[in-house]
PDB file of all heavy atoms in Angstrom:
ATOM      1  N   PHE A   1       4.682  14.145  -2.036  1.00  0.00           N
ATOM      2  CA  PHE A   1       4.496  13.043  -1.091  1.00  0.00           C
ATOM      3  C   PHE A   1       3.511  12.014  -1.644  1.00  0.00           C
ATOM      4  O   PHE A   1       3.780  10.799  -1.621  1.00  0.00           O
ATOM      5  CB  PHE A   1       4.006  13.581   0.259  1.00  0.00           C
ATOM      6  CG  PHE A   1       3.638  12.486   1.215  1.00  0.00           C
ATOM      7  CD1 PHE A   1       4.616  11.723   1.833  1.00  0.00           C
ATOM      8  CD2 PHE A   1       2.302  12.205   1.491  1.00  0.00           C
ATOM      9  CE1 PHE A   1       4.276  10.699   2.707  1.00  0.00           C
ATOM     10  CE2 PHE A   1       1.958  11.192   2.362  1.00  0.00           C
ATOM     11  CZ  PHE A   1       2.947  10.442   2.971  1.00  0.00           C
ATOM     12  N   PHE A   2       2.376  12.476  -2.153  1.00  0.00           N
ATOM     13  CA  PHE A   2       1.388  11.547  -2.689  1.00  0.00           C
ATOM     14  C   PHE A   2       1.909  10.839  -3.938  1.00  0.00           C
ATOM     15  O   PHE A   2       1.543   9.690  -4.209  1.00  0.00           O
ATOM     16  CB  PHE A   2       0.063  12.254  -2.975  1.00  0.00           C
ATOM     17  CG  PHE A   2      -0.757  12.494  -1.741  1.00  0.00           C
ATOM     18  CD1 PHE A   2      -1.171  13.769  -1.410  1.00  0.00           C
ATOM     19  CD2 PHE A   2      -1.091  11.451  -0.905  1.00  0.00           C
ATOM     20  CE1 PHE A   2      -1.918  13.999  -0.268  1.00  0.00           C
ATOM     21  CE2 PHE A   2      -1.837  11.663   0.239  1.00  0.00           C
ATOM     22  CZ  PHE A   2      -2.257  12.938   0.559  1.00  0.00           C
ATOM     23  N   TRP A   3       2.758  11.505  -4.712  1.00  0.00           N
ATOM     24  CA  TRP A   3       3.346  10.854  -5.875  1.00  0.00           C
ATOM     25  C   TRP A   3       4.257   9.710  -5.431  1.00  0.00           C
ATOM     26  O   TRP A   3       4.256   8.635  -6.035  1.00  0.00           O
ATOM     27  CB  TRP A   3       4.131  11.873  -6.705  1.00  0.00           C
ATOM     28  CG  TRP A   3       4.560  11.298  -8.006  1.00  0.00           C
ATOM     29  CD1 TRP A   3       5.769  10.739  -8.310  1.00  0.00           C
ATOM     30  CD2 TRP A   3       3.773  11.199  -9.196  1.00  0.00           C
ATOM     31  NE1 TRP A   3       5.782  10.314  -9.605  1.00  0.00           N
ATOM     32  CE2 TRP A   3       4.561  10.581 -10.175  1.00  0.00           C
ATOM     33  CE3 TRP A   3       2.478  11.584  -9.510  1.00  0.00           C
ATOM     34  CZ2 TRP A   3       4.092  10.333 -11.449  1.00  0.00           C
ATOM     35  CZ3 TRP A   3       2.021  11.341 -10.786  1.00  0.00           C
ATOM     36  CH2 TRP A   3       2.817  10.717 -11.737  1.00  0.00           C
ATOM     37  N   LEU A   4       5.008   9.922  -4.363  1.00  0.00           N
ATOM     38  CA  LEU A   4       5.854   8.861  -3.819  1.00  0.00           C
ATOM     39  C   LEU A   4       5.004   7.690  -3.342  1.00  0.00           C
ATOM     40  O   LEU A   4       5.304   6.526  -3.624  1.00  0.00           O
ATOM     41  CB  LEU A   4       6.718   9.409  -2.679  1.00  0.00           C
ATOM     42  CG  LEU A   4       7.620   8.401  -1.977  1.00  0.00           C
ATOM     43  CD1 LEU A   4       8.729   7.960  -2.927  1.00  0.00           C
ATOM     44  CD2 LEU A   4       8.203   9.009  -0.722  1.00  0.00           C
ATOM     45  N   VAL A   5       3.929   7.984  -2.630  1.00  0.00           N
ATOM     46  CA  VAL A   5       3.033   6.937  -2.140  1.00  0.00           C
ATOM     47  C   VAL A   5       2.368   6.205  -3.306  1.00  0.00           C
ATOM     48  O   VAL A   5       2.266   4.972  -3.312  1.00  0.00           O
ATOM     49  CB  VAL A   5       1.971   7.535  -1.189  1.00  0.00           C
ATOM     50  CG1 VAL A   5       0.893   6.519  -0.842  1.00  0.00           C
ATOM     51  CG2 VAL A   5       2.625   8.066   0.080  1.00  0.00           C
ATOM     52  N   ALA A   6       1.942   6.941  -4.318  1.00  0.00           N
ATOM     53  CA  ALA A   6       1.280   6.325  -5.473  1.00  0.00           C
ATOM     54  C   ALA A   6       2.249   5.433  -6.248  1.00  0.00           C
ATOM     55  O   ALA A   6       1.863   4.349  -6.704  1.00  0.00           O
ATOM     56  CB  ALA A   6       0.705   7.405  -6.381  1.00  0.00           C
ATOM     57  N   ALA A   7       3.479   5.871  -6.395  1.00  0.00           N
ATOM     58  CA  ALA A   7       4.468   5.058  -7.101  1.00  0.00           C
ATOM     59  C   ALA A   7       4.755   3.773  -6.327  1.00  0.00           C
ATOM     60  O   ALA A   7       4.898   2.693  -6.926  1.00  0.00           O
ATOM     61  CB  ALA A   7       5.759   5.854  -7.311  1.00  0.00           C
ATOM     62  N   GLU A   8       4.818   3.868  -5.023  1.00  0.00           N
ATOM     63  CA  GLU A   8       5.021   2.682  -4.191  1.00  0.00           C
ATOM     64  C   GLU A   8       3.825   1.733  -4.295  1.00  0.00           C
ATOM     65  O   GLU A   8       3.984   0.517  -4.409  1.00  0.00           O
ATOM     66  CB  GLU A   8       5.255   3.091  -2.730  1.00  0.00           C
ATOM     67  CG  GLU A   8       5.422   1.934  -1.786  1.00  0.00           C
ATOM     68  CD  GLU A   8       6.658   1.110  -2.071  1.00  0.00           C
ATOM     69  OE1 GLU A   8       7.650   1.646  -2.566  1.00  0.00           O
ATOM     70  OE2 GLU A   8       6.617  -0.100  -1.773  1.00  0.00           O
ATOM     71  N   ALA A   9       2.627   2.278  -4.249  1.00  0.00           N
ATOM     72  CA  ALA A   9       1.419   1.455  -4.367  1.00  0.00           C
ATOM     73  C   ALA A   9       1.354   0.783  -5.735  1.00  0.00           C
ATOM     74  O   ALA A   9       0.993  -0.394  -5.840  1.00  0.00           O
ATOM     75  CB  ALA A   9       0.170   2.304  -4.135  1.00  0.00           C
ATOM     76  N   TRP A  10       1.680   1.525  -6.795  1.00  0.00           N
ATOM     77  CA  TRP A  10       1.665   0.942  -8.132  1.00  0.00           C
ATOM     78  C   TRP A  10       2.736  -0.140  -8.251  1.00  0.00           C
ATOM     79  O   TRP A  10       2.528  -1.176  -8.875  1.00  0.00           O
ATOM     80  CB  TRP A  10       1.839   2.014  -9.191  1.00  0.00           C
ATOM     81  CG  TRP A  10       2.043   1.469 -10.560  1.00  0.00           C
ATOM     82  CD1 TRP A  10       3.048   1.795 -11.415  1.00  0.00           C
ATOM     83  CD2 TRP A  10       1.251   0.500 -11.259  1.00  0.00           C
ATOM     84  NE1 TRP A  10       2.918   1.096 -12.588  1.00  0.00           N
ATOM     85  CE2 TRP A  10       1.816   0.284 -12.515  1.00  0.00           C
ATOM     86  CE3 TRP A  10       0.102  -0.219 -10.914  1.00  0.00           C
ATOM     87  CZ2 TRP A  10       1.299  -0.602 -13.438  1.00  0.00           C
ATOM     88  CZ3 TRP A  10      -0.424  -1.111 -11.835  1.00  0.00           C
ATOM     89  CH2 TRP A  10       0.175  -1.293 -13.080  1.00  0.00           C
ATOM     90  N   GLY A  11       3.901   0.071  -7.650  1.00  0.00           N
ATOM     91  CA  GLY A  11       4.947  -0.954  -7.669  1.00  0.00           C
ATOM     92  C   GLY A  11       4.500  -2.235  -6.981  1.00  0.00           C
ATOM     93  O   GLY A  11       4.733  -3.340  -7.482  1.00  0.00           O
ATOM     94  N   LYS A  12       3.843  -2.092  -5.846  1.00  0.00           N
ATOM     95  CA  LYS A  12       3.318  -3.269  -5.131  1.00  0.00           C
ATOM     96  C   LYS A  12       2.214  -3.935  -5.937  1.00  0.00           C
ATOM     97  O   LYS A  12       2.158  -5.171  -6.036  1.00  0.00           O
ATOM     98  CB  LYS A  12       2.785  -2.830  -3.764  1.00  0.00           C
ATOM     99  CG  LYS A  12       2.081  -3.921  -2.979  1.00  0.00           C
ATOM    100  CD  LYS A  12       3.017  -5.026  -2.571  1.00  0.00           C
ATOM    101  CE  LYS A  12       2.324  -5.974  -1.620  1.00  0.00           C
ATOM    102  NZ  LYS A  12       2.277  -7.341  -2.113  1.00  0.00           N
ATOM    103  N   GLY A  13       1.324  -3.141  -6.536  1.00  0.00           N
ATOM    104  CA  GLY A  13       0.260  -3.706  -7.362  1.00  0.00           C
ATOM    105  C   GLY A  13       0.824  -4.462  -8.554  1.00  0.00           C
ATOM    106  O   GLY A  13       0.340  -5.537  -8.915  1.00  0.00           O
ATOM    107  N   LEU A  14       1.856  -3.901  -9.172  1.00  0.00           N
ATOM    108  CA  LEU A  14       2.473  -4.560 -10.317  1.00  0.00           C
ATOM    109  C   LEU A  14       3.135  -5.867  -9.908  1.00  0.00           C
ATOM    110  O   LEU A  14       3.024  -6.874 -10.613  1.00  0.00           O
ATOM    111  CB  LEU A  14       3.493  -3.643 -10.983  1.00  0.00           C
ATOM    112  CG  LEU A  14       4.214  -4.240 -12.183  1.00  0.00           C
ATOM    113  CD1 LEU A  14       3.230  -4.574 -13.303  1.00  0.00           C
ATOM    114  CD2 LEU A  14       5.281  -3.292 -12.681  1.00  0.00           C
ATOM    115  N   SER A  15       3.813  -5.885  -8.774  1.00  0.00           N
ATOM    116  CA  SER A  15       4.434  -7.137  -8.333  1.00  0.00           C
ATOM    117  C   SER A  15       3.375  -8.191  -8.016  1.00  0.00           C
ATOM    118  O   SER A  15       3.591  -9.379  -8.261  1.00  0.00           O
ATOM    119  CB  SER A  15       5.352  -6.900  -7.123  1.00  0.00           C
ATOM    120  OG  SER A  15       4.600  -6.530  -5.998  1.00  0.00           O
ATOM    121  N   ASP A  16       2.217  -7.769  -7.505  1.00  0.00           N
ATOM    122  CA  ASP A  16       1.121  -8.713  -7.264  1.00  0.00           C
ATOM    123  C   ASP A  16       0.548  -9.247  -8.570  1.00  0.00           C
ATOM    124  O   ASP A  16       0.219 -10.435  -8.666  1.00  0.00           O
ATOM    125  CB  ASP A  16       0.014  -8.048  -6.440  1.00  0.00           C
ATOM    126  CG  ASP A  16       0.428  -7.772  -5.009  1.00  0.00           C
ATOM    127  OD1 ASP A  16       1.440  -8.353  -4.558  1.00  0.00           O
ATOM    128  OD2 ASP A  16      -0.247  -6.968  -4.343  1.00  0.00           O
ATOM    129  N   VAL A  17       0.419  -8.397  -9.575  1.00  0.00           N
ATOM    130  CA  VAL A  17      -0.058  -8.842 -10.889  1.00  0.00           C
ATOM    131  C   VAL A  17       0.934  -9.828 -11.493  1.00  0.00           C
ATOM    132  O   VAL A  17       0.546 -10.866 -12.040  1.00  0.00           O
ATOM    133  CB  VAL A  17      -0.276  -7.636 -11.830  1.00  0.00           C
ATOM    134  CG1 VAL A  17      -0.455  -8.090 -13.270  1.00  0.00           C
ATOM    135  CG2 VAL A  17      -1.476  -6.830 -11.390  1.00  0.00           C
ATOM    136  N   LYS A  18       2.217  -9.536 -11.377  1.00  0.00           N
ATOM    137  CA  LYS A  18       3.233 -10.436 -11.918  1.00  0.00           C
ATOM    138  C   LYS A  18       3.207 -11.782 -11.207  1.00  0.00           C
ATOM    139  O   LYS A  18       3.363 -12.827 -11.842  1.00  0.00           O
ATOM    140  CB  LYS A  18       4.609  -9.786 -11.804  1.00  0.00           C
ATOM    141  CG  LYS A  18       4.786  -8.635 -12.786  1.00  0.00           C
ATOM    142  CD  LYS A  18       5.943  -7.738 -12.454  1.00  0.00           C
ATOM    143  CE  LYS A  18       7.285  -8.300 -12.665  1.00  0.00           C
ATOM    144  NZ  LYS A  18       8.362  -7.316 -12.489  1.00  0.00           N
ATOM    145  N   ALA A  19       2.991 -11.771  -9.896  1.00  0.00           N
ATOM    146  CA  ALA A  19       2.920 -13.033  -9.148  1.00  0.00           C
ATOM    147  C   ALA A  19       1.674 -13.830  -9.535  1.00  0.00           C
ATOM    148  O   ALA A  19       1.724 -15.062  -9.629  1.00  0.00           O
ATOM    149  CB  ALA A  19       2.927 -12.753  -7.648  1.00  0.00           C
ATOM    150  N   ALA A  20       0.560 -13.150  -9.761  1.00  0.00           N
ATOM    151  CA  ALA A  20      -0.688 -13.840 -10.101  1.00  0.00           C
ATOM    152  C   ALA A  20      -0.678 -14.395 -11.518  1.00  0.00           C
ATOM    153  O   ALA A  20      -1.393 -15.351 -11.811  1.00  0.00           O
ATOM    154  CB  ALA A  20      -1.870 -12.901  -9.912  1.00  0.00           C
ATOM    155  N   THR A  21       0.109 -13.801 -12.406  1.00  0.00           N
ATOM    156  CA  THR A  21       0.136 -14.248 -13.801  1.00  0.00           C
ATOM    157  C   THR A  21       1.401 -15.013 -14.153  1.00  0.00           C
ATOM    158  O   THR A  21       1.635 -15.300 -15.321  1.00  0.00           O
ATOM    159  CB  THR A  21      -0.020 -13.048 -14.755  1.00  0.00           C
ATOM    160  OG1 THR A  21       1.031 -12.110 -14.525  1.00  0.00           O
ATOM    161  CG2 THR A  21      -1.362 -12.368 -14.574  1.00  0.00           C
ATOM    162  N   ARG A  22       2.190 -15.338 -13.161  1.00  0.00           N
ATOM    163  CA  ARG A  22       3.398 -16.129 -13.398  1.00  0.00           C
ATOM    164  C   ARG A  22       2.985 -17.508 -13.939  1.00  0.00           C
ATOM    165  O   ARG A  22       2.052 -18.130 -13.423  1.00  0.00           O
ATOM    166  CB  ARG A  22       4.169 -16.280 -12.091  1.00  0.00           C
ATOM    167  CG  ARG A  22       5.509 -16.951 -12.223  1.00  0.00           C
ATOM    168  CD  ARG A  22       6.277 -16.968 -10.915  1.00  0.00           C
ATOM    169  NE  ARG A  22       6.533 -15.595 -10.484  1.00  0.00           N
ATOM    170  CZ  ARG A  22       6.242 -15.141  -9.270  1.00  0.00           C
ATOM    171  NH1 ARG A  22       5.679 -15.924  -8.376  1.00  0.00           N
ATOM    172  NH2 ARG A  22       6.509 -13.902  -8.945  1.00  0.00           N
ATOM    173  N   PRO A  23       3.647 -17.994 -14.982  1.00  0.00           N
ATOM    174  CA  PRO A  23       3.256 -19.280 -15.555  1.00  0.00           C
ATOM    175  C   PRO A  23       3.227 -20.426 -14.548  1.00  0.00           C
ATOM    176  O   PRO A  23       2.333 -21.272 -14.590  1.00  0.00           O
ATOM    177  CB  PRO A  23       4.307 -19.524 -16.645  1.00  0.00           C
ATOM    178  CG  PRO A  23       4.728 -18.154 -17.056  1.00  0.00           C
ATOM    179  CD  PRO A  23       4.681 -17.338 -15.793  1.00  0.00           C
ATOM    180  N   SER A  24       4.169 -20.464 -13.625  1.00  0.00           N
ATOM    181  CA  SER A  24       4.173 -21.543 -12.636  1.00  0.00           C
ATOM    182  C   SER A  24       2.942 -21.469 -11.731  1.00  0.00           C
ATOM    183  O   SER A  24       2.398 -22.498 -11.325  1.00  0.00           O
ATOM    184  CB  SER A  24       5.453 -21.493 -11.803  1.00  0.00           C
ATOM    185  OG  SER A  24       5.549 -20.250 -11.122  1.00  0.00           O
ATOM    186  N   THR A  25       2.470 -20.249 -11.428  1.00  0.00           N
ATOM    187  CA  THR A  25       1.264 -20.091 -10.617  1.00  0.00           C
ATOM    188  C   THR A  25       0.041 -20.573 -11.384  1.00  0.00           C
ATOM    189  O   THR A  25      -0.826 -21.252 -10.819  1.00  0.00           O
ATOM    190  CB  THR A  25       1.075 -18.612 -10.224  1.00  0.00           C
ATOM    191  OG1 THR A  25       2.242 -18.156  -9.555  1.00  0.00           O
ATOM    192  CG2 THR A  25      -0.128 -18.424  -9.324  1.00  0.00           C
ATOM    193  N   LEU A  26      -0.038 -20.233 -12.649  1.00  0.00           N
ATOM    194  CA  LEU A  26      -1.176 -20.663 -13.463  1.00  0.00           C
ATOM    195  C   LEU A  26      -1.182 -22.171 -13.648  1.00  0.00           C
ATOM    196  O   LEU A  26      -2.238 -22.807 -13.592  1.00  0.00           O
ATOM    197  CB  LEU A  26      -1.147 -19.957 -14.818  1.00  0.00           C
ATOM    198  CG  LEU A  26      -1.278 -18.436 -14.781  1.00  0.00           C
ATOM    199  CD1 LEU A  26      -1.143 -17.868 -16.179  1.00  0.00           C
ATOM    200  CD2 LEU A  26      -2.585 -18.028 -14.149  1.00  0.00           C
ATOM    201  N   ILE A  27      -0.024 -22.766 -13.856  1.00  0.00           N
ATOM    202  CA  ILE A  27       0.054 -24.212 -14.028  1.00  0.00           C
ATOM    203  C   ILE A  27      -0.348 -24.925 -12.749  1.00  0.00           C
ATOM    204  O   ILE A  27      -1.050 -25.935 -12.781  1.00  0.00           O
ATOM    205  CB  ILE A  27       1.470 -24.621 -14.491  1.00  0.00           C
ATOM    206  CG1 ILE A  27       1.676 -24.176 -15.940  1.00  0.00           C
ATOM    207  CG2 ILE A  27       1.692 -26.120 -14.349  1.00  0.00           C
ATOM    208  CD1 ILE A  27       3.086 -24.355 -16.452  1.00  0.00           C
ATOM    209  N   SER A  28       0.057 -24.401 -11.601  1.00  0.00           N
ATOM    210  CA  SER A  28      -0.320 -25.045 -10.335  1.00  0.00           C
ATOM    211  C   SER A  28      -1.811 -24.922 -10.055  1.00  0.00           C
ATOM    212  O   SER A  28      -2.371 -25.716  -9.301  1.00  0.00           O
ATOM    213  CB  SER A  28       0.491 -24.461  -9.174  1.00  0.00           C
ATOM    214  OG  SER A  28       0.139 -23.107  -8.969  1.00  0.00           O
ATOM    215  N   ALA A  29      -2.501 -23.945 -10.667  1.00  0.00           N
ATOM    216  CA  ALA A  29      -3.940 -23.794 -10.473  1.00  0.00           C
ATOM    217  C   ALA A  29      -4.747 -24.736 -11.355  1.00  0.00           C
ATOM    218  O   ALA A  29      -5.932 -24.943 -11.123  1.00  0.00           O
ATOM    219  CB  ALA A  29      -4.358 -22.354 -10.751  1.00  0.00           C
ATOM    220  N   MET A  30      -4.123 -25.315 -12.361  1.00  0.00           N
ATOM    221  CA  MET A  30      -4.825 -26.211 -13.279  1.00  0.00           C
ATOM    222  C   MET A  30      -4.830 -27.623 -12.712  1.00  0.00           C
ATOM    223  O   MET A  30      -3.786 -28.240 -12.520  1.00  0.00           O
ATOM    224  CB  MET A  30      -4.146 -26.215 -14.647  1.00  0.00           C
ATOM    225  CG  MET A  30      -4.203 -24.912 -15.361  1.00  0.00           C
ATOM    226  SD  MET A  30      -3.368 -25.083 -16.947  1.00  0.00           S
ATOM    227  CE  MET A  30      -3.451 -23.418 -17.512  1.00  0.00           C
ATOM    228  N   GLY A  31      -6.005 -28.128 -12.473  1.00  0.00           N
ATOM    229  CA  GLY A  31      -6.133 -29.471 -11.920  1.00  0.00           C
ATOM    230  C   GLY A  31      -5.602 -30.549 -12.841  1.00  0.00           C
ATOM    231  O   GLY A  31      -5.092 -31.580 -12.393  1.00  0.00           O
ATOM    232  N   VAL A  32      -5.695 -30.337 -14.134  1.00  0.00           N
ATOM    233  CA  VAL A  32      -5.250 -31.331 -15.095  1.00  0.00           C
ATOM    234  C   VAL A  32      -3.731 -31.514 -15.039  1.00  0.00           C
ATOM    235  O   VAL A  32      -3.216 -32.572 -15.378  1.00  0.00           O
ATOM    236  CB  VAL A  32      -5.721 -30.944 -16.523  1.00  0.00           C
ATOM    237  CG1 VAL A  32      -4.934 -29.788 -17.054  1.00  0.00           C
ATOM    238  CG2 VAL A  32      -5.689 -32.121 -17.458  1.00  0.00           C
ATOM    239  N   CYS A  33      -3.020 -30.536 -14.574  1.00  0.00           N
ATOM    240  CA  CYS A  33      -1.559 -30.612 -14.495  1.00  0.00           C
ATOM    241  C   CYS A  33      -1.076 -31.294 -13.218  1.00  0.00           C
ATOM    242  O   CYS A  33       0.122 -31.493 -13.049  1.00  0.00           O
ATOM    243  CB  CYS A  33      -0.956 -29.211 -14.576  1.00  0.00           C
ATOM    244  SG  CYS A  33      -1.209 -28.426 -16.175  1.00  0.00           S
ATOM    245  N   GLN A  34      -1.985 -31.631 -12.315  1.00  0.00           N
ATOM    246  CA  GLN A  34      -1.594 -32.215 -11.036  1.00  0.00           C
ATOM    247  C   GLN A  34      -1.521 -33.743 -11.074  1.00  0.00           C
ATOM    248  O   GLN A  34      -1.068 -34.358 -10.126  1.00  0.00           O
ATOM    249  CB  GLN A  34      -2.572 -31.772  -9.939  1.00  0.00           C
ATOM    250  CG  GLN A  34      -2.737 -30.274  -9.813  1.00  0.00           C
ATOM    251  CD  GLN A  34      -1.424 -29.532  -9.668  1.00  0.00           C
ATOM    252  OE1 GLN A  34      -0.527 -29.968  -8.974  1.00  0.00           O
ATOM    253  NE2 GLN A  34      -1.319 -28.408 -10.362  1.00  0.00           N
ATOM    254  N   GLY A  35      -1.983 -34.341 -12.153  1.00  0.00           N
ATOM    255  CA  GLY A  35      -1.979 -35.804 -12.252  1.00  0.00           C
ATOM    256  C   GLY A  35      -0.585 -36.367 -12.405  1.00  0.00           C
ATOM    257  O   GLY A  35       0.361 -35.679 -12.799  1.00  0.00           O
ATOM    258  N   GLU A  36      -0.476 -37.674 -12.099  1.00  0.00           N
ATOM    259  CA  GLU A  36       0.825 -38.328 -12.232  1.00  0.00           C
ATOM    260  C   GLU A  36       1.152 -38.532 -13.701  1.00  0.00           C
ATOM    261  O   GLU A  36       0.296 -38.898 -14.497  1.00  0.00           O
ATOM    262  CB  GLU A  36       0.805 -39.670 -11.501  1.00  0.00           C
ATOM    263  CG  GLU A  36       0.776 -39.536  -9.999  1.00  0.00           C
ATOM    264  CD  GLU A  36       0.902 -40.874  -9.316  1.00  0.00           C
ATOM    265  OE1 GLU A  36       1.591 -41.757  -9.857  1.00  0.00           O
ATOM    266  OE2 GLU A  36       0.301 -41.030  -8.251  1.00  0.00           O
TER     267      GLU A  36
END
């Protein structure tokens, strides 16, 4: 049971890491990229 829960938690953590390091997310965080 705990292995199932841990695998689910790791899957969610990994998807959060992927979302935080997505190139489009990083580019939108850079102020220099927001200019016209």
